[in-house]
Structures are given as C-alpha cells and as structure tokens.
C-alpha cells in the first residue's frame, strides 16, 4: 500500500470513528434528559403518595369514630 492509500484509509477510519462518537454522545445526552424527566415524575408520584396516605388516615379516623357512635 502506498502513502496515498494509507492517508485515504486513515482519513476514512477517522471520519467513521468521529461519526460513531457523535452518535453515541447524542444518545447519551438524550438519555440524561430522559432520566431528568423520569426523576421529576417519580418525585411527583412520591409527593402524591404522601397526600393519599394522609387522606386515608383521615378517612380511617372518621370511620372509627362513626363505628363507635353506632356501638353506643
């Protein structure tokens, strides 16, 4: 292989490698953005669960007092 073909081959390998690295970087950025969205959704679900637990406790207390009124 003469010097010209070696130069062309090395340029092609470099270009293909650069394209592959760029594609991987784009997927990684998209993955980080998706992770941030999912983390926000999980935080919302977590805070909603806390409110539901409080409401269930209030209903349970009300039901207990209602049952005690019937037992009198």
PDB file of N, CA and C in Angstrom:
ATOM      1  N   UNK A   1       0.856  -1.166   0.000  1.00  0.00           N
ATOM      2  CA  UNK A   1       0.000   0.000   0.000  1.00  0.00           C
ATOM      3  C   UNK A   1       0.905   1.234   0.000  1.00  0.00           C
ATOM      4  N   UNK A   2       0.635   2.138  -0.911  1.00  0.00           N
ATOM      5  CA  UNK A   2       1.476   3.329  -0.950  1.00  0.00           C
ATOM      6  C   UNK A   2       0.937   4.381   0.021  1.00  0.00           C
ATOM      7  N   UNK A   3       1.646   5.453   0.145  1.00  0.00           N
ATOM      8  CA  UNK A   3       1.323   6.503   1.109  1.00  0.00           C
ATOM      9  C   UNK A   3      -0.025   7.166   0.866  1.00  0.00           C
ATOM     10  N   UNK A   4      -0.427   7.288  -0.397  1.00  0.00           N
ATOM     11  CA  UNK A   4      -1.706   7.930  -0.715  1.00  0.00           C
ATOM     12  C   UNK A   4      -2.895   7.142  -0.193  1.00  0.00           C
ATOM     13  N   UNK A   5      -2.839   5.802  -0.444  1.00  0.00           N
ATOM     14  CA  UNK A   5      -3.942   4.968   0.038  1.00  0.00           C
ATOM     15  C   UNK A   5      -3.968   4.903   1.563  1.00  0.00           C
ATOM     16  N   UNK A   6      -2.839   4.881   2.178  1.00  0.00           N
ATOM     17  CA  UNK A   6      -2.774   4.861   3.639  1.00  0.00           C
ATOM     18  C   UNK A   6      -3.375   6.135   4.210  1.00  0.00           C
ATOM     19  N   UNK A   7      -3.101   7.247   3.565  1.00  0.00           N
ATOM     20  CA  UNK A   7      -3.651   8.528   4.005  1.00  0.00           C
ATOM     21  C   UNK A   7      -5.174   8.529   3.851  1.00  0.00           C
ATOM     22  N   UNK A   8      -5.661   8.033   2.726  1.00  0.00           N
ATOM     23  CA  UNK A   8      -7.109   7.973   2.491  1.00  0.00           C
ATOM     24  C   UNK A   8      -7.771   7.028   3.493  1.00  0.00           C
ATOM     25  N   UNK A   9      -7.168   5.862   3.723  1.00  0.00           N
ATOM     26  CA  UNK A   9      -7.726   4.901   4.675  1.00  0.00           C
ATOM     27  C   UNK A   9      -7.762   5.477   6.084  1.00  0.00           C
ATOM     28  N   UNK A  10      -6.726   6.145   6.493  1.00  0.00           N
ATOM     29  CA  UNK A  10      -6.706   6.726   7.837  1.00  0.00           C
ATOM     30  C   UNK A  10      -7.752   7.837   7.964  1.00  0.00           C
ATOM     31  N   UNK A  11      -7.963   8.608   6.891  1.00  0.00           N
ATOM     32  CA  UNK A  11      -8.986   9.656   6.921  1.00  0.00           C
ATOM     33  C   UNK A  11     -10.378   9.054   7.028  1.00  0.00           C
ATOM     34  N   UNK A  12     -10.626   7.960   6.307  1.00  0.00           N
ATOM     35  CA  UNK A  12     -11.930   7.290   6.365  1.00  0.00           C
ATOM     36  C   UNK A  12     -12.171   6.717   7.767  1.00  0.00           C
ATOM     37  N   UNK A  13     -11.169   6.057   8.315  1.00  0.00           N
ATOM     38  CA  UNK A  13     -11.302   5.485   9.662  1.00  0.00           C
ATOM     39  C   UNK A  13     -11.569   6.591  10.680  1.00  0.00           C
ATOM     40  N   UNK A  14     -10.874   7.702  10.570  1.00  0.00           N
ATOM     41  CA  UNK A  14     -11.068   8.824  11.480  1.00  0.00           C
ATOM     42  C   UNK A  14     -12.472   9.398  11.340  1.00  0.00           C
ATOM     43  N   UNK A  15     -12.948   9.549  10.106  1.00  0.00           N
ATOM     44  CA  UNK A  15     -14.286  10.093   9.876  1.00  0.00           C
ATOM     45  C   UNK A  15     -15.361   9.171  10.442  1.00  0.00           C
ATOM     46  N   UNK A  16     -15.236   7.883  10.174  1.00  0.00           N
ATOM     47  CA  UNK A  16     -16.217   6.917  10.689  1.00  0.00           C
ATOM     48  C   UNK A  16     -16.187   6.896  12.218  1.00  0.00           C
ATOM     49  N   UNK A  17     -15.013   6.925  12.792  1.00  0.00           N
ATOM     50  CA  UNK A  17     -14.897   6.973  14.253  1.00  0.00           C
ATOM     51  C   UNK A  17     -15.524   8.231  14.818  1.00  0.00           C
ATOM     52  N   UNK A  18     -15.319   9.355  14.154  1.00  0.00           N
ATOM     53  CA  UNK A  18     -15.929  10.612  14.619  1.00  0.00           C
ATOM     54  C   UNK A  18     -17.442  10.567  14.558  1.00  0.00           C
ATOM     55  N   UNK A  19     -17.967   9.967  13.505  1.00  0.00           N
ATOM     56  CA  UNK A  19     -19.427   9.843  13.386  1.00  0.00           C
ATOM     57  C   UNK A  19     -19.975   8.947  14.488  1.00  0.00           C
ATOM     58  N   UNK A  20     -19.308   7.845  14.738  1.00  0.00           N
ATOM     59  CA  UNK A  20     -19.759   6.930  15.796  1.00  0.00           C
ATOM     60  C   UNK A  20     -19.728   7.621  17.154  1.00  0.00           C
ATOM     61  N   UNK A  21     -18.680   8.340  17.451  1.00  0.00           N
ATOM     62  CA  UNK A  21     -18.572   9.050  18.729  1.00  0.00           C
ATOM     63  C   UNK A  21     -19.675  10.105  18.851  1.00  0.00           C
ATOM     64  N   UNK A  22     -19.973  10.811  17.763  1.00  0.00           N
ATOM     65  CA  UNK A  22     -21.026  11.822  17.784  1.00  0.00           C
ATOM     66  C   UNK A  22     -22.381  11.195  18.064  1.00  0.00           C
ATOM     67  N   UNK A  23     -22.672  10.079  17.418  1.00  0.00           N
ATOM     68  CA  UNK A  23     -23.955   9.395  17.633  1.00  0.00           C
ATOM     69  C   UNK A  23     -24.070   8.913  19.080  1.00  0.00           C
ATOM     70  N   UNK A  24     -23.013   8.347  19.610  1.00  0.00           N
ATOM     71  CA  UNK A  24     -23.028   7.891  20.998  1.00  0.00           C
ATOM     72  C   UNK A  24     -23.245   9.062  21.944  1.00  0.00           C
ATOM     73  N   UNK A  25     -22.604  10.185  21.696  1.00  0.00           N
ATOM     74  CA  UNK A  25     -22.764  11.366  22.544  1.00  0.00           C
ATOM     75  C   UNK A  25     -24.202  11.884  22.497  1.00  0.00           C
ATOM     76  N   UNK A  26     -24.818  11.852  21.329  1.00  0.00           N
ATOM     77  CA  UNK A  26     -26.211  12.304  21.223  1.00  0.00           C
ATOM     78  C   UNK A  26     -27.146  11.396  22.010  1.00  0.00           C
ATOM     79  N   UNK A  27     -26.944  10.080  21.913  1.00  0.00           N
ATOM     80  CA  UNK A  27     -27.768   9.158  22.680  1.00  0.00           C
ATOM     81  C   UNK A  27     -27.568   9.351  24.174  1.00  0.00           C
ATOM     82  N   UNK A  28     -26.346   9.622  24.573  1.00  0.00           N
ATOM     83  CA  UNK A  28     -26.063   9.822  25.999  1.00  0.00           C
ATOM     84  C   UNK A  28     -26.760  11.070  26.511  1.00  0.00           C
ATOM     85  N   UNK A  29     -26.739  12.157  25.732  1.00  0.00           N
ATOM     86  CA  UNK A  29     -27.408  13.389  26.133  1.00  0.00           C
ATOM     87  C   UNK A  29     -28.911  13.161  26.241  1.00  0.00           C
ATOM     88  N   UNK A  30     -29.476  12.450  25.257  1.00  0.00           N
ATOM     89  CA  UNK A  30     -30.908  12.159  25.277  1.00  0.00           C
ATOM     90  C   UNK A  30     -31.255  11.313  26.497  1.00  0.00           C
ATOM     91  N   UNK A  31     -30.398  10.370  26.838  1.00  0.00           N
ATOM     92  CA  UNK A  31     -30.635   9.517  27.993  1.00  0.00           C
ATOM     93  C   UNK A  31     -30.635  10.338  29.280  1.00  0.00           C
ATOM     94  N   UNK A  32     -29.727  11.292  29.408  1.00  0.00           N
ATOM     95  CA  UNK A  32     -29.683  12.136  30.597  1.00  0.00           C
ATOM     96  C   UNK A  32     -30.932  12.995  30.695  1.00  0.00           C
ATOM     97  N   UNK A  33     -31.416  13.517  29.564  1.00  0.00           N
ATOM     98  CA  UNK A  33     -32.634  14.322  29.574  1.00  0.00           C
ATOM     99  C   UNK A  33     -33.832  13.462  29.967  1.00  0.00           C
ATOM    100  N   UNK A  34     -33.912  12.249  29.424  1.00  0.00           N
ATOM    101  CA  UNK A  34     -34.997  11.338  29.786  1.00  0.00           C
ATOM    102  C   UNK A  34     -34.945  11.002  31.272  1.00  0.00           C
ATOM    103  N   UNK A  35     -33.750  10.803  31.788  1.00  0.00           N
ATOM    104  CA  UNK A  35     -33.587  10.489  33.210  1.00  0.00           C
ATOM    105  C   UNK A  35     -34.112  11.635  34.068  1.00  0.00           C
ATOM    106  N   UNK A  36     -33.842  12.861  33.672  1.00  0.00           N
ATOM    107  CA  UNK A  36     -34.327  14.016  34.429  1.00  0.00           C
ATOM    108  C   UNK A  36     -35.855  14.072  34.419  1.00  0.00           C
ATOM    109  N   UNK A  37     -36.462  13.767  33.292  1.00  0.00           N
ATOM    110  CA  UNK A  37     -37.925  13.766  33.200  1.00  0.00           C
ATOM    111  C   UNK A  37     -38.513  12.687  34.111  1.00  0.00           C
ATOM    112  N   UNK A  38     -37.942  11.494  34.061  1.00  0.00           N
ATOM    113  CA  UNK A  38     -38.443  10.391  34.882  1.00  0.00           C
ATOM    114  C   UNK A  38     -38.247  10.699  36.373  1.00  0.00           C
ATOM    115  N   UNK A  39     -37.134  11.279  36.727  1.00  0.00           N
ATOM    116  CA  UNK A  39     -36.889  11.635  38.129  1.00  0.00           C
ATOM    117  C   UNK A  39     -37.934  12.640  38.609  1.00  0.00           C
ATOM    118  N   UNK A  40     -38.294  13.599  37.771  1.00  0.00           N
ATOM    119  CA  UNK A  40     -39.338  14.558  38.130  1.00  0.00           C
ATOM    120  C   UNK A  40     -40.690  13.891  38.321  1.00  0.00           C
ATOM    121  N   UNK A  41     -41.004  12.941  37.450  1.00  0.00           N
ATOM    122  CA  UNK A  41     -42.267  12.212  37.579  1.00  0.00           C
ATOM    123  C   UNK A  41     -42.298  11.383  38.855  1.00  0.00           C
ATOM    124  N   UNK A  42     -41.185  10.732  39.170  1.00  0.00           N
ATOM    125  CA  UNK A  42     -41.123   9.945  40.402  1.00  0.00           C
ATOM    126  C   UNK A  42     -41.276  10.827  41.633  1.00  0.00           C
ATOM    127  N   UNK A  43     -40.715  12.009  41.595  1.00  0.00           N
ATOM    128  CA  UNK A  43     -40.861  12.929  42.724  1.00  0.00           C
ATOM    129  C   UNK A  43     -42.324  13.327  42.884  1.00  0.00           C
ATOM    130  N   UNK A  44     -43.008  13.554  41.776  1.00  0.00           N
ATOM    131  CA  UNK A  44     -44.435  13.901  41.823  1.00  0.00           C
ATOM    132  C   UNK A  44     -45.249  12.748  42.406  1.00  0.00           C
ATOM    133  N   UNK A  45     -44.953  11.511  41.961  1.00  0.00           N
ATOM    134  CA  UNK A  45     -45.660  10.340  42.481  1.00  0.00           C
ATOM    135  C   UNK A  45     -45.400  10.196  43.978  1.00  0.00           C
ATOM    136  N   UNK A  46     -44.161  10.400  44.390  1.00  0.00           N
ATOM    137  CA  UNK A  46     -43.817  10.278  45.810  1.00  0.00           C
ATOM    138  C   UNK A  46     -44.592  11.279  46.657  1.00  0.00           C
ATOM    139  N   UNK A  47     -44.659  12.540  46.209  1.00  0.00           N
ATOM    140  CA  UNK A  47     -45.392  13.542  46.989  1.00  0.00           C
ATOM    141  C   UNK A  47     -46.889  13.268  46.960  1.00  0.00           C
ATOM    142  N   UNK A  48     -47.403  12.734  45.868  1.00  0.00           N
ATOM    143  CA  UNK A  48     -48.825  12.385  45.790  1.00  0.00           C
ATOM    144  C   UNK A  48     -49.153  11.247  46.745  1.00  0.00           C
ATOM    145  N   UNK A  49     -48.240  10.292  46.877  1.00  0.00           N
ATOM    146  CA  UNK A  49     -48.476   9.181  47.794  1.00  0.00           C
ATOM    147  C   UNK A  49     -48.584   9.675  49.233  1.00  0.00           C
ATOM    148  N   UNK A  50     -47.795  10.657  49.577  1.00  0.00           N
ATOM    149  CA  UNK A  50     -47.869  11.220  50.925  1.00  0.00           C
ATOM    150  C   UNK A  50     -49.225  11.837  51.190  1.00  0.00           C
ATOM    151  N   UNK A  51     -49.760  12.550  50.214  1.00  0.00           N
ATOM    152  CA  UNK A  51     -51.085  13.153  50.377  1.00  0.00           C
ATOM    153  C   UNK A  51     -52.162  12.082  50.475  1.00  0.00           C
ATOM    154  N   UNK A  52     -52.030  11.024  49.706  1.00  0.00           N
ATOM    155  CA  UNK A  52     -53.012   9.939  49.752  1.00  0.00           C
ATOM    156  C   UNK A  52     -52.979   9.264  51.123  1.00  0.00           C
ATOM    157  N   UNK A  53     -51.789   9.041  51.658  1.00  0.00           N
ATOM    158  CA  UNK A  53     -51.684   8.417  52.977  1.00  0.00           C
ATOM    159  C   UNK A  53     -52.363   9.271  54.039  1.00  0.00           C
ATOM    160  N   UNK A  54     -52.207  10.575  53.971  1.00  0.00           N
ATOM    161  CA  UNK A  54     -52.854  11.478  54.929  1.00  0.00           C
ATOM    162  C   UNK A  54     -54.369  11.384  54.797  1.00  0.00           C
ATOM    163  N   UNK A  55     -54.866  11.368  53.564  1.00  0.00           N
ATOM    164  CA  UNK A  55     -56.307  11.268  53.345  1.00  0.00           C
ATOM    165  C   UNK A  55     -56.849   9.935  53.845  1.00  0.00           C
ATOM    166  N   UNK A  56     -56.119   8.845  53.632  1.00  0.00           N
ATOM    167  CA  UNK A  56     -56.556   7.539  54.119  1.00  0.00           C
ATOM    168  C   UNK A  56     -56.612   7.540  55.641  1.00  0.00           C
ATOM    169  N   UNK A  57     -55.626   8.144  56.285  1.00  0.00           N
ATOM    170  CA  UNK A  57     -55.632   8.221  57.748  1.00  0.00           C
ATOM    171  C   UNK A  57     -56.842   9.007  58.244  1.00  0.00           C
ATOM    172  N   UNK A  58     -57.189  10.099  57.574  1.00  0.00           N
ATOM    173  CA  UNK A  58     -58.355  10.896  57.972  1.00  0.00           C
ATOM    174  C   UNK A  58     -59.645  10.096  57.810  1.00  0.00           C
ATOM    175  N   UNK A  59     -59.760   9.358  56.712  1.00  0.00           N
ATOM    176  CA  UNK A  59     -60.954   8.539  56.490  1.00  0.00           C
ATOM    177  C   UNK A  59     -61.032   7.438  57.537  1.00  0.00           C
ATOM    178  N   UNK A  60     -59.894   6.833  57.842  1.00  0.00           N
ATOM    179  CA  UNK A  60     -59.871   5.762  58.846  1.00  0.00           C
ATOM    180  C   UNK A  60     -60.296   6.307  60.203  1.00  0.00           C
ATOM    181  N   UNK A  61     -59.805   7.474  60.576  1.00  0.00           N
ATOM    182  CA  UNK A  61     -60.207   8.077  61.849  1.00  0.00           C
ATOM    183  C   UNK A  61     -61.690   8.382  61.870  1.00  0.00           C
ATOM    184  N   UNK A  62     -62.194   8.915  60.779  1.00  0.00           N
ATOM    185  CA  UNK A  62     -63.627   9.231  60.700  1.00  0.00           C
ATOM    186  C   UNK A  62     -64.474   7.973  60.762  1.00  0.00           C
ATOM    187  N   UNK A  63     -64.026   6.919  60.123  1.00  0.00           N
ATOM    188  CA  UNK A  63     -64.764   5.661  60.137  1.00  0.00           C
ATOM    189  C   UNK A  63     -64.767   5.053  61.529  1.00  0.00           C
ATOM    190  N   UNK A  64     -63.651   5.120  62.212  1.00  0.00           N
ATOM    191  CA  UNK A  64     -63.588   4.588  63.578  1.00  0.00           C
ATOM    192  C   UNK A  64     -64.558   5.330  64.495  1.00  0.00           C
ATOM    193  N   UNK A  65     -64.575   6.643  64.408  1.00  0.00           N
ATOM    194  CA  UNK A  65     -65.493   7.399  65.264  1.00  0.00           C
ATOM    195  C   UNK A  65     -66.941   7.127  64.874  1.00  0.00           C
ATOM    196  N   UNK A  66     -67.215   6.912  63.620  1.00  0.00           N
ATOM    197  CA  UNK A  66     -68.571   6.593  63.162  1.00  0.00           C
ATOM    198  C   UNK A  66     -69.011   5.237  63.702  1.00  0.00           C
ATOM    199  N   UNK A  67     -68.109   4.260  63.675  1.00  0.00           N
ATOM    200  CA  UNK A  67     -68.440   2.927  64.210  1.00  0.00           C
ATOM    201  C   UNK A  67     -68.663   3.002  65.712  1.00  0.00           C
ATOM    202  N   UNK A  68     -67.862   3.793  66.422  1.00  0.00           N
ATOM    203  CA  UNK A  68     -68.045   3.952  67.875  1.00  0.00           C
ATOM    204  C   UNK A  68     -69.403   4.577  68.177  1.00  0.00           C
ATOM    205  N   UNK A  69     -69.850   5.517  67.358  1.00  0.00           N
ATOM    206  CA  UNK A  69     -71.172   6.129  67.555  1.00  0.00           C
ATOM    207  C   UNK A  69     -72.280   5.087  67.402  1.00  0.00           C
ATOM    208  N   UNK A  70     -72.134   4.160  66.480  1.00  0.00           N
ATOM    209  CA  UNK A  70     -73.144   3.121  66.282  1.00  0.00           C
ATOM    210  C   UNK A  70     -73.148   2.126  67.420  1.00  0.00           C
ATOM    211  N   UNK A  71     -72.002   1.896  68.041  1.00  0.00           N
ATOM    212  CA  UNK A  71     -71.927   0.912  69.145  1.00  0.00           C
ATOM    213  C   UNK A  71     -72.545   1.439  70.425  1.00  0.00           C
ATOM    214  N   UNK A  72     -72.734   2.741  70.533  1.00  0.00           N
ATOM    215  CA  UNK A  72     -73.290   3.314  71.786  1.00  0.00           C
ATOM    216  C   UNK A  72     -74.737   2.982  71.949  1.00  0.00           C
TER     217      UNK A  72
END
